[in-house]
Amino acid sequence: MYAIVEIGGQQLRVEEKAKVFVNLMDAEEGSTVNFEKVLLIDNEGKVKVGQPVVKGASVSAKVLAHVKGEKAIVFKKKRRKTYQVMNGHRQQYTQIEIEKITA
């Protein structure tokens, strides 16, 4: 059984017991969050497609940790102008574990 859920503006394919990284959420580590925007549910070949969401469906997940992604280097240069700038960026993510998909 899997579902396609919209979490933080992104659509993700999730299954039970799966660990997923999503954009940073305002939730405490160890707490449970529910997602109501379920776009599709597949239960062993029986597919329910929402218009735009599946009514009565939800996905519950447990917040495991707040982590940072790998560093992305941003380098700008204009040749012959003695201009160069180097910056780094690390995106913040929340790791969640899908506990239950309710159809």
N, C-alpha and C. Protein backbone atom coordinates (compact mmCIF):
# COMPACT_ATOMS: atom_id res chain seq x y z
N MET A 1 0.84 -1.18 0.00
CA MET A 1 0.00 0.00 0.00
C MET A 1 0.88 1.24 0.00
N TYR A 2 0.58 2.16 -0.89
CA TYR A 2 1.31 3.42 -0.92
C TYR A 2 0.36 4.56 -1.20
N ALA A 3 0.83 5.77 -0.97
CA ALA A 3 0.02 6.96 -1.20
C ALA A 3 0.92 8.07 -1.75
N ILE A 4 0.29 8.97 -2.48
CA ILE A 4 0.98 10.17 -2.92
C ILE A 4 0.40 11.32 -2.10
N VAL A 5 1.29 12.00 -1.36
CA VAL A 5 0.89 13.00 -0.39
C VAL A 5 1.60 14.31 -0.70
N GLU A 6 0.90 15.42 -0.47
CA GLU A 6 1.54 16.72 -0.61
C GLU A 6 1.99 17.19 0.77
N ILE A 7 3.32 17.33 0.91
CA ILE A 7 3.91 17.74 2.18
C ILE A 7 4.81 18.94 1.91
N GLY A 8 4.46 20.07 2.46
CA GLY A 8 5.30 21.26 2.32
C GLY A 8 5.46 21.71 0.88
N GLY A 9 4.41 21.57 0.08
CA GLY A 9 4.47 22.00 -1.31
C GLY A 9 5.08 20.99 -2.26
N GLN A 10 5.49 19.83 -1.76
CA GLN A 10 6.06 18.78 -2.61
C GLN A 10 5.17 17.56 -2.58
N GLN A 11 5.09 16.87 -3.70
CA GLN A 11 4.32 15.63 -3.77
C GLN A 11 5.28 14.46 -3.62
N LEU A 12 5.01 13.59 -2.65
CA LEU A 12 5.89 12.47 -2.35
C LEU A 12 5.11 11.16 -2.39
N ARG A 13 5.76 10.10 -2.86
CA ARG A 13 5.20 8.75 -2.82
C ARG A 13 5.71 8.11 -1.53
N VAL A 14 4.79 7.76 -0.63
CA VAL A 14 5.17 7.23 0.67
C VAL A 14 4.52 5.87 0.90
N GLU A 15 5.21 5.06 1.67
CA GLU A 15 4.72 3.77 2.11
C GLU A 15 4.86 3.70 3.62
N GLU A 16 4.17 2.75 4.25
CA GLU A 16 4.30 2.59 5.69
C GLU A 16 5.70 2.12 6.04
N LYS A 17 6.21 2.60 7.15
CA LYS A 17 7.56 2.31 7.67
C LYS A 17 8.67 2.93 6.84
N ALA A 18 8.35 3.81 5.91
CA ALA A 18 9.37 4.47 5.09
C ALA A 18 9.85 5.73 5.80
N LYS A 19 11.15 6.02 5.68
CA LYS A 19 11.74 7.23 6.23
C LYS A 19 11.97 8.21 5.08
N VAL A 20 11.49 9.43 5.25
CA VAL A 20 11.49 10.42 4.18
C VAL A 20 12.04 11.74 4.72
N PHE A 21 12.80 12.45 3.88
CA PHE A 21 13.26 13.80 4.20
C PHE A 21 12.32 14.79 3.52
N VAL A 22 11.78 15.73 4.29
CA VAL A 22 10.91 16.78 3.77
C VAL A 22 11.48 18.13 4.20
N ASN A 23 10.94 19.21 3.63
CA ASN A 23 11.39 20.54 4.03
C ASN A 23 11.12 20.75 5.51
N LEU A 24 11.87 21.64 6.12
CA LEU A 24 11.83 21.88 7.55
C LEU A 24 10.40 22.17 8.02
N MET A 25 9.97 21.45 9.06
CA MET A 25 8.64 21.61 9.61
C MET A 25 8.73 22.13 11.04
N ASP A 26 7.67 22.82 11.48
CA ASP A 26 7.60 23.30 12.87
C ASP A 26 6.95 22.22 13.72
N ALA A 27 7.73 21.20 14.06
CA ALA A 27 7.23 20.11 14.90
C ALA A 27 8.38 19.62 15.76
N GLU A 28 8.06 19.22 16.96
CA GLU A 28 9.07 18.71 17.88
C GLU A 28 9.50 17.31 17.48
N GLU A 29 10.75 16.98 17.78
CA GLU A 29 11.24 15.62 17.52
C GLU A 29 10.48 14.64 18.41
N GLY A 30 10.02 13.55 17.82
CA GLY A 30 9.26 12.55 18.56
C GLY A 30 7.76 12.76 18.50
N SER A 31 7.31 13.89 17.97
CA SER A 31 5.88 14.14 17.89
C SER A 31 5.29 13.50 16.64
N THR A 32 3.97 13.41 16.61
CA THR A 32 3.26 12.82 15.48
C THR A 32 2.55 13.92 14.70
N VAL A 33 2.66 13.87 13.37
CA VAL A 33 1.99 14.83 12.50
C VAL A 33 1.08 14.07 11.54
N ASN A 34 -0.03 14.73 11.14
CA ASN A 34 -0.97 14.14 10.19
C ASN A 34 -1.00 14.99 8.93
N PHE A 35 -1.07 14.33 7.79
CA PHE A 35 -1.16 15.01 6.50
C PHE A 35 -2.49 14.64 5.87
N GLU A 36 -3.29 15.66 5.56
CA GLU A 36 -4.64 15.44 5.03
C GLU A 36 -4.69 15.54 3.50
N LYS A 37 -3.67 16.11 2.88
CA LYS A 37 -3.68 16.27 1.42
C LYS A 37 -3.15 15.00 0.75
N VAL A 38 -3.99 13.98 0.70
CA VAL A 38 -3.64 12.71 0.05
C VAL A 38 -4.22 12.76 -1.35
N LEU A 39 -3.36 12.68 -2.36
CA LEU A 39 -3.79 12.82 -3.74
C LEU A 39 -4.16 11.49 -4.39
N LEU A 40 -3.53 10.40 -3.94
CA LEU A 40 -3.77 9.09 -4.53
C LEU A 40 -3.44 8.02 -3.49
N ILE A 41 -4.24 6.94 -3.51
CA ILE A 41 -3.97 5.79 -2.65
C ILE A 41 -4.06 4.54 -3.50
N ASP A 42 -3.05 3.67 -3.40
CA ASP A 42 -3.04 2.38 -4.08
C ASP A 42 -3.00 1.29 -3.02
N ASN A 43 -4.07 0.51 -2.92
CA ASN A 43 -4.16 -0.56 -1.94
C ASN A 43 -4.23 -1.89 -2.69
N GLU A 44 -3.05 -2.46 -3.00
CA GLU A 44 -2.92 -3.74 -3.69
C GLU A 44 -3.70 -3.77 -5.00
N GLY A 45 -3.51 -2.76 -5.81
CA GLY A 45 -4.13 -2.70 -7.12
C GLY A 45 -5.42 -1.91 -7.17
N LYS A 46 -6.02 -1.61 -6.04
CA LYS A 46 -7.23 -0.79 -5.98
C LYS A 46 -6.80 0.66 -5.80
N VAL A 47 -6.94 1.45 -6.86
CA VAL A 47 -6.44 2.81 -6.86
C VAL A 47 -7.59 3.78 -6.63
N LYS A 48 -7.39 4.71 -5.69
CA LYS A 48 -8.32 5.81 -5.46
C LYS A 48 -7.60 7.10 -5.80
N VAL A 49 -8.18 7.86 -6.74
CA VAL A 49 -7.58 9.12 -7.15
C VAL A 49 -8.49 10.24 -6.66
N GLY A 50 -7.91 11.23 -6.03
CA GLY A 50 -8.68 12.35 -5.50
C GLY A 50 -8.93 13.42 -6.53
N GLN A 51 -9.97 14.23 -6.27
CA GLN A 51 -10.28 15.34 -7.16
C GLN A 51 -10.47 16.60 -6.34
N PRO A 52 -9.52 17.28 -5.81
CA PRO A 52 -8.08 17.06 -5.91
C PRO A 52 -7.53 16.14 -4.83
N VAL A 53 -8.27 15.91 -3.71
CA VAL A 53 -7.77 15.04 -2.66
C VAL A 53 -8.75 13.90 -2.42
N VAL A 54 -8.25 12.80 -1.85
CA VAL A 54 -9.09 11.67 -1.50
C VAL A 54 -9.80 11.99 -0.19
N LYS A 55 -11.13 11.91 -0.20
CA LYS A 55 -11.91 12.26 0.99
C LYS A 55 -11.73 11.20 2.07
N GLY A 56 -11.51 11.66 3.30
CA GLY A 56 -11.39 10.77 4.43
C GLY A 56 -10.04 10.08 4.56
N ALA A 57 -9.10 10.40 3.70
CA ALA A 57 -7.78 9.76 3.74
C ALA A 57 -6.80 10.66 4.48
N SER A 58 -5.88 10.03 5.19
CA SER A 58 -4.84 10.78 5.88
C SER A 58 -3.61 9.90 6.06
N VAL A 59 -2.49 10.54 6.29
CA VAL A 59 -1.23 9.85 6.52
C VAL A 59 -0.66 10.40 7.81
N SER A 60 -0.33 9.51 8.74
CA SER A 60 0.28 9.95 9.99
C SER A 60 1.76 9.56 9.99
N ALA A 61 2.58 10.45 10.54
CA ALA A 61 4.02 10.24 10.53
C ALA A 61 4.61 10.72 11.85
N LYS A 62 5.77 10.17 12.17
CA LYS A 62 6.49 10.54 13.38
C LYS A 62 7.73 11.32 12.98
N VAL A 63 7.98 12.44 13.65
CA VAL A 63 9.15 13.27 13.37
C VAL A 63 10.35 12.64 14.07
N LEU A 64 11.36 12.28 13.28
CA LEU A 64 12.56 11.65 13.84
C LEU A 64 13.64 12.66 14.20
N ALA A 65 13.96 13.57 13.27
CA ALA A 65 15.05 14.52 13.52
C ALA A 65 14.96 15.69 12.56
N HIS A 66 15.64 16.77 12.93
CA HIS A 66 15.84 17.92 12.06
C HIS A 66 17.31 17.91 11.66
N VAL A 67 17.58 17.83 10.36
CA VAL A 67 18.96 17.69 9.88
C VAL A 67 19.24 18.70 8.78
N LYS A 68 20.52 18.83 8.45
CA LYS A 68 20.94 19.69 7.35
C LYS A 68 21.42 18.82 6.19
N GLY A 69 21.17 19.28 4.97
CA GLY A 69 21.62 18.55 3.79
C GLY A 69 23.08 18.84 3.51
N GLU A 70 23.56 18.31 2.40
CA GLU A 70 24.95 18.54 2.02
C GLU A 70 25.13 19.97 1.53
N LYS A 71 26.37 20.45 1.63
CA LYS A 71 26.66 21.83 1.25
C LYS A 71 26.68 21.97 -0.27
N ALA A 72 26.01 23.01 -0.74
CA ALA A 72 26.03 23.36 -2.16
C ALA A 72 26.89 24.62 -2.29
N ILE A 73 27.87 24.58 -3.17
CA ILE A 73 28.77 25.71 -3.38
C ILE A 73 28.20 26.61 -4.47
N VAL A 74 28.14 27.91 -4.18
CA VAL A 74 27.69 28.91 -5.15
C VAL A 74 28.89 29.80 -5.45
N PHE A 75 29.38 29.74 -6.70
CA PHE A 75 30.57 30.51 -7.08
C PHE A 75 30.23 31.41 -8.25
N LYS A 76 30.49 32.71 -8.09
CA LYS A 76 30.22 33.69 -9.14
C LYS A 76 31.53 34.35 -9.53
N LYS A 77 31.72 34.57 -10.83
CA LYS A 77 32.94 35.20 -11.29
C LYS A 77 32.67 35.96 -12.57
N LYS A 78 33.29 37.14 -12.68
CA LYS A 78 33.27 37.90 -13.93
C LYS A 78 34.72 38.05 -14.36
N ARG A 79 35.04 37.48 -15.49
CA ARG A 79 36.43 37.46 -15.92
C ARG A 79 36.93 38.86 -16.27
N ARG A 80 38.18 39.06 -15.99
CA ARG A 80 38.91 40.31 -16.24
C ARG A 80 38.36 41.50 -15.46
N LYS A 81 37.54 41.27 -14.48
CA LYS A 81 36.98 42.37 -13.67
C LYS A 81 37.38 42.26 -12.20
N THR A 82 38.22 41.31 -11.87
CA THR A 82 38.65 41.01 -10.49
C THR A 82 37.45 40.88 -9.55
N TYR A 83 36.44 40.17 -10.01
CA TYR A 83 35.24 39.92 -9.21
C TYR A 83 35.01 38.43 -9.09
N GLN A 84 35.02 37.95 -7.86
CA GLN A 84 34.62 36.57 -7.62
C GLN A 84 34.10 36.44 -6.19
N VAL A 85 33.01 35.70 -6.06
CA VAL A 85 32.36 35.51 -4.77
C VAL A 85 32.06 34.02 -4.62
N MET A 86 32.36 33.49 -3.46
CA MET A 86 32.06 32.08 -3.19
C MET A 86 31.23 31.99 -1.92
N ASN A 87 30.08 31.35 -2.03
CA ASN A 87 29.19 31.15 -0.90
C ASN A 87 28.80 29.69 -0.82
N GLY A 88 28.39 29.26 0.36
CA GLY A 88 27.88 27.91 0.54
C GLY A 88 26.48 27.96 1.11
N HIS A 89 25.72 26.88 0.90
CA HIS A 89 24.36 26.81 1.40
C HIS A 89 24.06 25.39 1.83
N ARG A 90 23.40 25.24 2.98
CA ARG A 90 22.96 23.93 3.46
C ARG A 90 21.47 24.02 3.76
N GLN A 91 20.68 23.24 3.02
CA GLN A 91 19.24 23.23 3.21
C GLN A 91 18.89 22.44 4.46
N GLN A 92 17.89 22.90 5.20
CA GLN A 92 17.45 22.20 6.40
C GLN A 92 16.26 21.31 6.08
N TYR A 93 16.29 20.08 6.60
CA TYR A 93 15.25 19.09 6.34
C TYR A 93 14.73 18.53 7.66
N THR A 94 13.56 17.92 7.59
CA THR A 94 13.00 17.17 8.70
C THR A 94 12.86 15.73 8.25
N GLN A 95 13.38 14.79 9.03
CA GLN A 95 13.26 13.39 8.70
C GLN A 95 12.04 12.83 9.42
N ILE A 96 11.13 12.21 8.64
CA ILE A 96 9.92 11.65 9.22
C ILE A 96 9.82 10.18 8.85
N GLU A 97 9.10 9.42 9.68
CA GLU A 97 8.83 8.02 9.40
C GLU A 97 7.32 7.86 9.28
N ILE A 98 6.87 7.31 8.16
CA ILE A 98 5.44 7.12 7.92
C ILE A 98 4.95 5.97 8.79
N GLU A 99 3.97 6.25 9.63
CA GLU A 99 3.46 5.21 10.54
C GLU A 99 2.22 4.52 9.98
N LYS A 100 1.26 5.29 9.45
CA LYS A 100 0.01 4.69 9.04
C LYS A 100 -0.61 5.47 7.90
N ILE A 101 -1.17 4.75 6.93
CA ILE A 101 -1.92 5.33 5.83
C ILE A 101 -3.38 4.91 6.00
N THR A 102 -4.24 5.89 6.20
CA THR A 102 -5.66 5.61 6.40
C THR A 102 -6.43 6.00 5.15
N ALA A 103 -7.19 5.05 4.59
CA ALA A 103 -7.94 5.32 3.36
C ALA A 103 -9.38 5.65 3.68
